[in-house]
Amino acid sequence: MSPSLPVITLLTDFGTADYFVGAVKGAILSVNPSAVIADITHEIPPQDIAAGAFTVFAAYETFPAGTIHVAVVDPGVGSTRRPIIVSANEQFFVGPDNGIFTYIYDREPSHKTFHVTSDRYFRPSPSSTFHGRDIFAPVAAALSTGIAPEEFGPEINDAVRLPSLDTPLRIIHIDRFGNCITNITRELLPSDTSVVINGQTITEFRQFYGEGDKESLFAIWGSAGFLEISMNGGSAAKLLSAKRDDLVLLE
């Protein structure tokens, strides 16, 4: 990809009512006015690192090589948690070292992670409450001009991780429609297998959400490649009283 037309994605819990997202974009464009900025979402629930981790994971493969993903869900802003750059799958990920890139680590075992220590790439006098604007945005913009990740700081091998994407079998995300997205892949699900969540057994599998009767639970292979428990015309999560990290059994 041409360095004059870099793609920088943004994923945050900032919402859109305040100035935060606009300020992050301004900080990027101040360093590289040619940057192409794509919003993944700014509606991650506040401080919900796991939701951010799933969302950046579900989206990153749709972007071209060279894309820089800025993911800022950062309850530890201003503390000693490290700013990092992750290089994986010919893309880059910029954000706090708080586990938000865990699923990228799981999917891309050849990744490299760098601790950003070179403050010359930061905005002057960074705020202790807005590293998205003052650290992560200018670092991403500098990356987009062709600066190698090694120039920002040393490689590290002890990045913070959330529980693995692979085990245990569980709900890893609940979307706004109430679909319960599990970490079960096609390889993990034998034929003629039922799924049990919170004592309720789901035996029906469907090809699309609108198939069959309304308001009954069913399993479906979702767009992120995982098995979802869904409900046509209602919220599966509500019916199951389900929440993220609830265990899933196979029978």
C-alpha atoms as a PDB file:
ATOM      1  CA  MET A   1       0.000   0.000   0.000  1.00  0.00           C
ATOM      2  CA  SER A   2       1.273   3.456  -0.839  1.00  0.00           C
ATOM      3  CA  PRO A   3       2.554   5.313   2.252  1.00  0.00           C
ATOM      4  CA  SER A   4       0.816   8.455   0.930  1.00  0.00           C
ATOM      5  CA  LEU A   5      -2.589   6.802   1.396  1.00  0.00           C
ATOM      6  CA  PRO A   6      -2.414   4.972   4.719  1.00  0.00           C
ATOM      7  CA  VAL A   7      -5.550   3.667   6.392  1.00  0.00           C
ATOM      8  CA  ILE A   8      -5.936   4.315  10.123  1.00  0.00           C
ATOM      9  CA  THR A   9      -8.924   2.789  11.894  1.00  0.00           C
ATOM     10  CA  LEU A  10     -10.352   4.011  15.173  1.00  0.00           C
ATOM     11  CA  LEU A  11     -12.106   1.942  17.818  1.00  0.00           C
ATOM     12  CA  THR A  12     -12.956   3.575  21.140  1.00  0.00           C
ATOM     13  CA  ASP A  13     -15.450   3.822  23.974  1.00  0.00           C
ATOM     14  CA  PHE A  14     -15.604   7.604  23.550  1.00  0.00           C
ATOM     15  CA  GLY A  15     -19.084   7.825  22.027  1.00  0.00           C
ATOM     16  CA  THR A  16     -19.880  10.663  19.651  1.00  0.00           C
ATOM     17  CA  ALA A  17     -21.488  13.291  21.890  1.00  0.00           C
ATOM     18  CA  ASP A  18     -18.196  14.871  23.008  1.00  0.00           C
ATOM     19  CA  TYR A  19     -15.140  16.268  21.235  1.00  0.00           C
ATOM     20  CA  PHE A  20     -12.951  13.220  21.876  1.00  0.00           C
ATOM     21  CA  VAL A  21     -13.203  11.444  18.518  1.00  0.00           C
ATOM     22  CA  GLY A  22     -12.772  14.653  16.561  1.00  0.00           C
ATOM     23  CA  ALA A  23      -9.692  15.554  18.598  1.00  0.00           C
ATOM     24  CA  VAL A  24      -8.131  12.144  17.928  1.00  0.00           C
ATOM     25  CA  LYS A  25      -8.695  12.594  14.199  1.00  0.00           C
ATOM     26  CA  GLY A  26      -7.224  16.087  14.364  1.00  0.00           C
ATOM     27  CA  ALA A  27      -4.107  14.762  16.087  1.00  0.00           C
ATOM     28  CA  ILE A  28      -3.660  12.185  13.324  1.00  0.00           C
ATOM     29  CA  LEU A  29      -4.176  14.663  10.508  1.00  0.00           C
ATOM     30  CA  SER A  30      -1.776  17.158  12.105  1.00  0.00           C
ATOM     31  CA  VAL A  31       1.003  14.602  11.616  1.00  0.00           C
ATOM     32  CA  ASN A  32      -0.171  13.122   8.311  1.00  0.00           C
ATOM     33  CA  PRO A  33      -2.811  15.158   6.437  1.00  0.00           C
ATOM     34  CA  SER A  34      -3.004  12.369   3.807  1.00  0.00           C
ATOM     35  CA  ALA A  35      -4.212   9.763   6.281  1.00  0.00           C
ATOM     36  CA  VAL A  36      -7.426   7.923   5.443  1.00  0.00           C
ATOM     37  CA  ILE A  37      -9.364   7.461   8.697  1.00  0.00           C
ATOM     38  CA  ALA A  38     -11.999   4.733   9.068  1.00  0.00           C
ATOM     39  CA  ASP A  39     -14.221   4.458  12.139  1.00  0.00           C
ATOM     40  CA  ILE A  40     -14.824   0.894  13.328  1.00  0.00           C
ATOM     41  CA  THR A  41     -16.932   2.064  16.272  1.00  0.00           C
ATOM     42  CA  HIS A  42     -16.923   4.524  19.132  1.00  0.00           C
ATOM     43  CA  GLU A  43     -19.751   2.775  20.961  1.00  0.00           C
ATOM     44  CA  ILE A  44     -17.801   0.168  22.934  1.00  0.00           C
ATOM     45  CA  PRO A  45     -19.358   0.154  26.419  1.00  0.00           C
ATOM     46  CA  PRO A  46     -17.295   2.432  28.679  1.00  0.00           C
ATOM     47  CA  GLN A  47     -14.105   0.754  29.931  1.00  0.00           C
ATOM     48  CA  ASP A  48     -15.144  -2.633  28.506  1.00  0.00           C
ATOM     49  CA  ILE A  49     -11.778  -3.954  27.345  1.00  0.00           C
ATOM     50  CA  ALA A  50     -13.119  -7.388  26.387  1.00  0.00           C
ATOM     51  CA  ALA A  51     -15.769  -5.880  24.108  1.00  0.00           C
ATOM     52  CA  GLY A  52     -13.072  -3.792  22.450  1.00  0.00           C
ATOM     53  CA  ALA A  53     -10.876  -6.859  22.064  1.00  0.00           C
ATOM     54  CA  PHE A  54     -13.616  -8.806  20.301  1.00  0.00           C
ATOM     55  CA  THR A  55     -14.592  -5.925  18.037  1.00  0.00           C
ATOM     56  CA  VAL A  56     -11.113  -5.116  16.739  1.00  0.00           C
ATOM     57  CA  PHE A  57     -10.554  -8.849  16.249  1.00  0.00           C
ATOM     58  CA  ALA A  58     -13.782  -9.249  14.274  1.00  0.00           C
ATOM     59  CA  ALA A  59     -12.971  -6.307  11.991  1.00  0.00           C
ATOM     60  CA  TYR A  60      -9.236  -6.263  11.296  1.00  0.00           C
ATOM     61  CA  GLU A  61      -9.056  -8.911   8.557  1.00  0.00           C
ATOM     62  CA  THR A  62     -11.348  -6.883   6.292  1.00  0.00           C
ATOM     63  CA  PHE A  63      -8.751  -4.108   5.986  1.00  0.00           C
ATOM     64  CA  PRO A  64      -5.822  -4.003   3.551  1.00  0.00           C
ATOM     65  CA  ALA A  65      -2.204  -4.723   4.373  1.00  0.00           C
ATOM     66  CA  GLY A  66      -0.524  -1.758   6.023  1.00  0.00           C
ATOM     67  CA  THR A  67      -3.636  -0.679   7.940  1.00  0.00           C
ATOM     68  CA  ILE A  68      -3.025   0.807  11.386  1.00  0.00           C
ATOM     69  CA  HIS A  69      -5.702   0.062  13.984  1.00  0.00           C
ATOM     70  CA  VAL A  70      -5.963   2.445  16.927  1.00  0.00           C
ATOM     71  CA  ALA A  71      -7.950   0.790  19.732  1.00  0.00           C
ATOM     72  CA  VAL A  72      -8.527   2.899  22.827  1.00  0.00           C
ATOM     73  CA  VAL A  73     -10.567   1.401  25.646  1.00  0.00           C
ATOM     74  CA  ASP A  74      -8.343   2.521  28.444  1.00  0.00           C
ATOM     75  CA  PRO A  75      -9.510   2.545  32.067  1.00  0.00           C
ATOM     76  CA  GLY A  76      -5.825   2.678  33.091  1.00  0.00           C
ATOM     77  CA  VAL A  77      -5.088   5.930  31.243  1.00  0.00           C
ATOM     78  CA  GLY A  78      -2.490   7.973  33.084  1.00  0.00           C
ATOM     79  CA  SER A  79      -1.187   4.982  35.063  1.00  0.00           C
ATOM     80  CA  THR A  80       1.941   2.918  34.477  1.00  0.00           C
ATOM     81  CA  ARG A  81       0.294   0.692  31.852  1.00  0.00           C
ATOM     82  CA  ARG A  82       2.337   0.727  28.657  1.00  0.00           C
ATOM     83  CA  PRO A  83       1.465   2.152  25.254  1.00  0.00           C
ATOM     84  CA  ILE A  84       2.199  -0.508  22.648  1.00  0.00           C
ATOM     85  CA  ILE A  85       2.394  -1.223  18.937  1.00  0.00           C
ATOM     86  CA  VAL A  86       1.590  -4.720  17.691  1.00  0.00           C
ATOM     87  CA  SER A  87       2.734  -5.871  14.262  1.00  0.00           C
ATOM     88  CA  ALA A  88       0.663  -8.776  12.932  1.00  0.00           C
ATOM     89  CA  ASN A  89      -0.713 -10.012   9.611  1.00  0.00           C
ATOM     90  CA  GLU A  90       0.967  -7.129   7.737  1.00  0.00           C
ATOM     91  CA  GLN A  91      -1.017  -4.678   9.863  1.00  0.00           C
ATOM     92  CA  PHE A  92      -0.348  -2.621  12.992  1.00  0.00           C
ATOM     93  CA  PHE A  93      -2.301  -2.176  16.214  1.00  0.00           C
ATOM     94  CA  VAL A  94      -1.768   0.797  18.520  1.00  0.00           C
ATOM     95  CA  GLY A  95      -3.238   1.121  21.994  1.00  0.00           C
ATOM     96  CA  PRO A  96      -2.810   0.432  25.706  1.00  0.00           C
ATOM     97  CA  ASP A  97      -1.225  -2.749  27.022  1.00  0.00           C
ATOM     98  CA  ASN A  98      -4.323  -3.895  28.875  1.00  0.00           C
ATOM     99  CA  GLY A  99      -5.346  -7.000  26.924  1.00  0.00           C
ATOM    100  CA  ILE A 100      -7.285  -5.296  24.145  1.00  0.00           C
ATOM    101  CA  PHE A 101      -5.179  -7.086  21.516  1.00  0.00           C
ATOM    102  CA  THR A 102      -5.425 -10.540  23.152  1.00  0.00           C
ATOM    103  CA  TYR A 103      -7.451 -12.097  20.340  1.00  0.00           C
ATOM    104  CA  ILE A 104      -5.023 -10.710  17.763  1.00  0.00           C
ATOM    105  CA  TYR A 105      -2.227 -12.449  19.662  1.00  0.00           C
ATOM    106  CA  ASP A 106      -4.238 -15.688  19.637  1.00  0.00           C
ATOM    107  CA  ARG A 107      -5.035 -15.496  15.905  1.00  0.00           C
ATOM    108  CA  GLU A 108      -1.589 -14.245  14.801  1.00  0.00           C
ATOM    109  CA  PRO A 109       1.074 -16.204  16.748  1.00  0.00           C
ATOM    110  CA  SER A 110       3.924 -14.611  14.759  1.00  0.00           C
ATOM    111  CA  HIS A 111       3.012 -11.121  15.995  1.00  0.00           C
ATOM    112  CA  LYS A 112       5.556  -8.748  17.505  1.00  0.00           C
ATOM    113  CA  THR A 113       4.803  -6.249  20.264  1.00  0.00           C
ATOM    114  CA  PHE A 114       6.724  -3.054  20.971  1.00  0.00           C
ATOM    115  CA  HIS A 115       6.636  -0.839  24.054  1.00  0.00           C
ATOM    116  CA  VAL A 116       6.331   2.755  22.873  1.00  0.00           C
ATOM    117  CA  THR A 117       8.936   4.703  24.857  1.00  0.00           C
ATOM    118  CA  SER A 118      10.065   7.377  22.359  1.00  0.00           C
ATOM    119  CA  ASP A 119       8.066  10.372  23.515  1.00  0.00           C
ATOM    120  CA  ARG A 120       9.254  12.474  20.582  1.00  0.00           C
ATOM    121  CA  TYR A 121       6.330  10.963  18.690  1.00  0.00           C
ATOM    122  CA  PHE A 122       3.812  12.203  21.301  1.00  0.00           C
ATOM    123  CA  ARG A 123       2.015  15.503  21.300  1.00  0.00           C
ATOM    124  CA  PRO A 124       3.711  18.072  23.548  1.00  0.00           C
ATOM    125  CA  SER A 125       2.832  17.796  27.249  1.00  0.00           C
ATOM    126  CA  PRO A 126       0.467  14.807  26.954  1.00  0.00           C
ATOM    127  CA  SER A 127      -2.632  14.936  29.119  1.00  0.00           C
ATOM    128  CA  SER A 128      -2.835  12.232  31.783  1.00  0.00           C
ATOM    129  CA  THR A 129      -6.484  11.686  30.843  1.00  0.00           C
ATOM    130  CA  PHE A 130      -6.420  11.667  27.023  1.00  0.00           C
ATOM    131  CA  HIS A 131      -3.712   9.364  25.692  1.00  0.00           C
ATOM    132  CA  GLY A 132      -5.940   8.586  22.717  1.00  0.00           C
ATOM    133  CA  ARG A 133      -5.312  12.075  21.401  1.00  0.00           C
ATOM    134  CA  ASP A 134      -1.842  12.764  22.776  1.00  0.00           C
ATOM    135  CA  ILE A 135      -0.046   9.402  22.449  1.00  0.00           C
ATOM    136  CA  PHE A 136      -1.899   6.789  20.406  1.00  0.00           C
ATOM    137  CA  ALA A 137      -3.100   9.091  17.622  1.00  0.00           C
ATOM    138  CA  PRO A 138       0.280  10.721  16.855  1.00  0.00           C
ATOM    139  CA  VAL A 139       2.066   7.377  17.148  1.00  0.00           C
ATOM    140  CA  ALA A 140      -0.338   5.856  14.611  1.00  0.00           C
ATOM    141  CA  ALA A 141       0.111   8.851  12.349  1.00  0.00           C
ATOM    142  CA  ALA A 142       3.893   8.539  12.551  1.00  0.00           C
ATOM    143  CA  LEU A 143       3.597   4.841  11.673  1.00  0.00           C
ATOM    144  CA  SER A 144       1.515   5.828   8.667  1.00  0.00           C
ATOM    145  CA  THR A 145       4.394   7.927   7.311  1.00  0.00           C
ATOM    146  CA  GLY A 146       6.578   4.831   7.089  1.00  0.00           C
ATOM    147  CA  ILE A 147       8.421   4.869  10.420  1.00  0.00           C
ATOM    148  CA  ALA A 148       9.168   1.293  11.514  1.00  0.00           C
ATOM    149  CA  PRO A 149       7.661   0.055  14.805  1.00  0.00           C
ATOM    150  CA  GLU A 150      11.165  -0.672  16.119  1.00  0.00           C
ATOM    151  CA  GLU A 151      11.816   3.073  16.134  1.00  0.00           C
ATOM    152  CA  PHE A 152       9.202   3.652  18.816  1.00  0.00           C
ATOM    153  CA  GLY A 153      10.674   1.408  21.499  1.00  0.00           C
ATOM    154  CA  PRO A 154      11.870  -2.078  22.437  1.00  0.00           C
ATOM    155  CA  GLU A 155      10.165  -5.343  21.587  1.00  0.00           C
ATOM    156  CA  ILE A 156       8.473  -6.989  24.580  1.00  0.00           C
ATOM    157  CA  ASN A 157       7.223 -10.508  25.263  1.00  0.00           C
ATOM    158  CA  ASP A 158       5.077  -9.972  28.342  1.00  0.00           C
ATOM    159  CA  ALA A 159       2.054  -8.123  26.987  1.00  0.00           C
ATOM    160  CA  VAL A 160      -1.064  -8.209  29.156  1.00  0.00           C
ATOM    161  CA  ARG A 161      -3.643 -10.771  28.032  1.00  0.00           C
ATOM    162  CA  LEU A 162      -7.275 -11.467  28.691  1.00  0.00           C
ATOM    163  CA  PRO A 163      -8.407 -15.117  28.925  1.00  0.00           C
ATOM    164  CA  SER A 164      -7.541 -16.968  25.723  1.00  0.00           C
ATOM    165  CA  LEU A 165      -9.942 -16.931  22.816  1.00  0.00           C
ATOM    166  CA  ASP A 166      -9.705 -20.731  22.672  1.00  0.00           C
ATOM    167  CA  THR A 167     -10.626 -21.963  26.151  1.00  0.00           C
ATOM    168  CA  PRO A 168     -12.807 -22.418  28.055  1.00  0.00           C
ATOM    169  CA  LEU A 169     -15.867 -22.667  25.814  1.00  0.00           C
ATOM    170  CA  ARG A 170     -17.894 -19.593  26.684  1.00  0.00           C
ATOM    171  CA  ILE A 171     -19.801 -16.560  25.460  1.00  0.00           C
ATOM    172  CA  ILE A 172     -17.202 -14.027  24.345  1.00  0.00           C
ATOM    173  CA  HIS A 173     -19.510 -11.237  23.191  1.00  0.00           C
ATOM    174  CA  ILE A 174     -23.157 -10.189  23.195  1.00  0.00           C
ATOM    175  CA  ASP A 175     -24.059  -7.847  20.366  1.00  0.00           C
ATOM    176  CA  ARG A 176     -26.695  -5.118  20.340  1.00  0.00           C
ATOM    177  CA  PHE A 177     -29.312  -7.558  19.006  1.00  0.00           C
ATOM    178  CA  GLY A 178     -28.815  -9.923  21.933  1.00  0.00           C
ATOM    179  CA  ASN A 179     -26.982 -12.579  19.917  1.00  0.00           C
ATOM    180  CA  CYS A 180     -24.663 -14.585  22.163  1.00  0.00           C
ATOM    181  CA  ILE A 181     -21.393 -15.072  20.301  1.00  0.00           C
ATOM    182  CA  THR A 182     -19.382 -18.014  21.580  1.00  0.00           C
ATOM    183  CA  ASN A 183     -15.763 -18.967  20.955  1.00  0.00           C
ATOM    184  CA  ILE A 184     -16.852 -22.222  19.289  1.00  0.00           C
ATOM    185  CA  THR A 185     -15.497 -22.701  15.771  1.00  0.00           C
ATOM    186  CA  ARG A 186     -16.640 -25.215  13.187  1.00  0.00           C
ATOM    187  CA  GLU A 187     -13.625 -27.387  14.004  1.00  0.00           C
ATOM    188  CA  LEU A 188     -14.730 -27.646  17.639  1.00  0.00           C
ATOM    189  CA  LEU A 189     -18.337 -28.618  16.984  1.00  0.00           C
ATOM    190  CA  PRO A 190     -19.003 -32.263  16.107  1.00  0.00           C
ATOM    191  CA  SER A 191     -22.085 -33.063  14.078  1.00  0.00           C
ATOM    192  CA  ASP A 192     -25.312 -33.831  15.950  1.00  0.00           C
ATOM    193  CA  THR A 193     -24.196 -31.772  18.926  1.00  0.00           C
ATOM    194  CA  SER A 194     -26.442 -29.665  21.157  1.00  0.00           C
ATOM    195  CA  VAL A 195     -25.367 -26.488  22.910  1.00  0.00           C
ATOM    196  CA  VAL A 196     -26.227 -25.830  26.561  1.00  0.00           C
ATOM    197  CA  ILE A 197     -26.150 -22.373  28.136  1.00  0.00           C
ATOM    198  CA  ASN A 198     -27.401 -21.687  31.663  1.00  0.00           C
ATOM    199  CA  GLY A 199     -29.185 -25.017  31.743  1.00  0.00           C
ATOM    200  CA  GLN A 200     -31.066 -24.476  28.472  1.00  0.00           C
ATOM    201  CA  THR A 201     -30.360 -26.789  25.534  1.00  0.00           C
ATOM    202  CA  ILE A 202     -30.305 -25.456  21.970  1.00  0.00           C
ATOM    203  CA  THR A 203     -30.680 -28.141  19.350  1.00  0.00           C
ATOM    204  CA  GLU A 204     -31.839 -26.182  16.300  1.00  0.00           C
ATOM    205  CA  PHE A 205     -29.339 -24.845  13.760  1.00  0.00           C
ATOM    206  CA  ARG A 206     -30.294 -22.281  11.121  1.00  0.00           C
ATOM    207  CA  GLN A 207     -28.724 -20.775   8.018  1.00  0.00           C
ATOM    208  CA  PHE A 208     -29.976 -17.205   8.497  1.00  0.00           C
ATOM    209  CA  TYR A 209     -31.558 -15.153  11.265  1.00  0.00           C
ATOM    210  CA  GLY A 210     -35.042 -14.869   9.750  1.00  0.00           C
ATOM    211  CA  GLU A 211     -35.434 -18.584   9.102  1.00  0.00           C
ATOM    212  CA  GLY A 212     -38.120 -20.515  10.939  1.00  0.00           C
ATOM    213  CA  ASP A 213     -40.341 -19.551  13.850  1.00  0.00           C
ATOM    214  CA  LYS A 214     -39.938 -16.333  15.770  1.00  0.00           C
ATOM    215  CA  GLU A 215     -38.935 -16.098  19.416  1.00  0.00           C
ATOM    216  CA  SER A 216     -37.256 -19.488  19.584  1.00  0.00           C
ATOM    217  CA  LEU A 217     -33.582 -20.056  20.269  1.00  0.00           C
ATOM    218  CA  PHE A 218     -31.294 -21.427  17.589  1.00  0.00           C
ATOM    219  CA  ALA A 219     -27.600 -21.690  16.739  1.00  0.00           C
ATOM    220  CA  ILE A 220     -26.086 -20.061  13.668  1.00  0.00           C
ATOM    221  CA  TRP A 221     -22.591 -19.541  12.262  1.00  0.00           C
ATOM    222  CA  GLY A 222     -21.965 -15.809  12.539  1.00  0.00           C
ATOM    223  CA  SER A 223     -19.922 -13.512  10.337  1.00  0.00           C
ATOM    224  CA  ALA A 224     -16.959 -13.543  12.743  1.00  0.00           C
ATOM    225  CA  GLY A 225     -16.612 -17.305  12.242  1.00  0.00           C
ATOM    226  CA  PHE A 226     -18.046 -18.330  15.615  1.00  0.00           C
ATOM    227  CA  LEU A 227     -21.192 -20.103  16.702  1.00  0.00           C
ATOM    228  CA  GLU A 228     -23.899 -17.693  17.861  1.00  0.00           C
ATOM    229  CA  ILE A 229     -26.989 -18.412  19.887  1.00  0.00           C
ATOM    230  CA  SER A 230     -29.720 -16.229  18.470  1.00  0.00           C
ATOM    231  CA  MET A 231     -33.436 -15.552  18.483  1.00  0.00           C
ATOM    232  CA  ASN A 232     -35.543 -14.386  15.566  1.00  0.00           C
ATOM    233  CA  GLY A 233     -37.447 -11.335  16.740  1.00  0.00           C
ATOM    234  CA  GLY A 234     -35.952 -11.100  20.207  1.00  0.00           C
ATOM    235  CA  SER A 235     -32.855 -11.191  22.375  1.00  0.00           C
ATOM    236  CA  ALA A 236     -31.301 -14.593  23.036  1.00  0.00           C
ATOM    237  CA  ALA A 237     -29.211 -13.072  25.817  1.00  0.00           C
ATOM    238  CA  LYS A 238     -32.306 -11.813  27.611  1.00  0.00           C
ATOM    239  CA  LEU A 239     -34.160 -15.101  27.277  1.00  0.00           C
ATOM    240  CA  LEU A 240     -31.140 -17.029  28.559  1.00  0.00           C
ATOM    241  CA  SER A 241     -30.246 -14.472  31.244  1.00  0.00           C
ATOM    242  CA  ALA A 242     -26.833 -14.753  29.629  1.00  0.00           C
ATOM    243  CA  LYS A 243     -23.780 -12.569  30.030  1.00  0.00           C
ATOM    244  CA  ARG A 244     -20.276 -12.569  28.659  1.00  0.00           C
ATOM    245  CA  ASP A 245     -18.051 -15.363  30.012  1.00  0.00           C
ATOM    246  CA  ASP A 246     -20.981 -17.672  30.789  1.00  0.00           C
ATOM    247  CA  LEU A 247     -19.797 -21.195  30.044  1.00  0.00           C
ATOM    248  CA  VAL A 248     -21.084 -23.161  27.055  1.00  0.00           C
ATOM    249  CA  LEU A 249     -21.457 -26.950  27.177  1.00  0.00           C
ATOM    250  CA  LEU A 250     -21.625 -29.334  24.241  1.00  0.00           C
ATOM    251  CA  GLU A 251     -23.780 -32.453  24.431  1.00  0.00           C
END
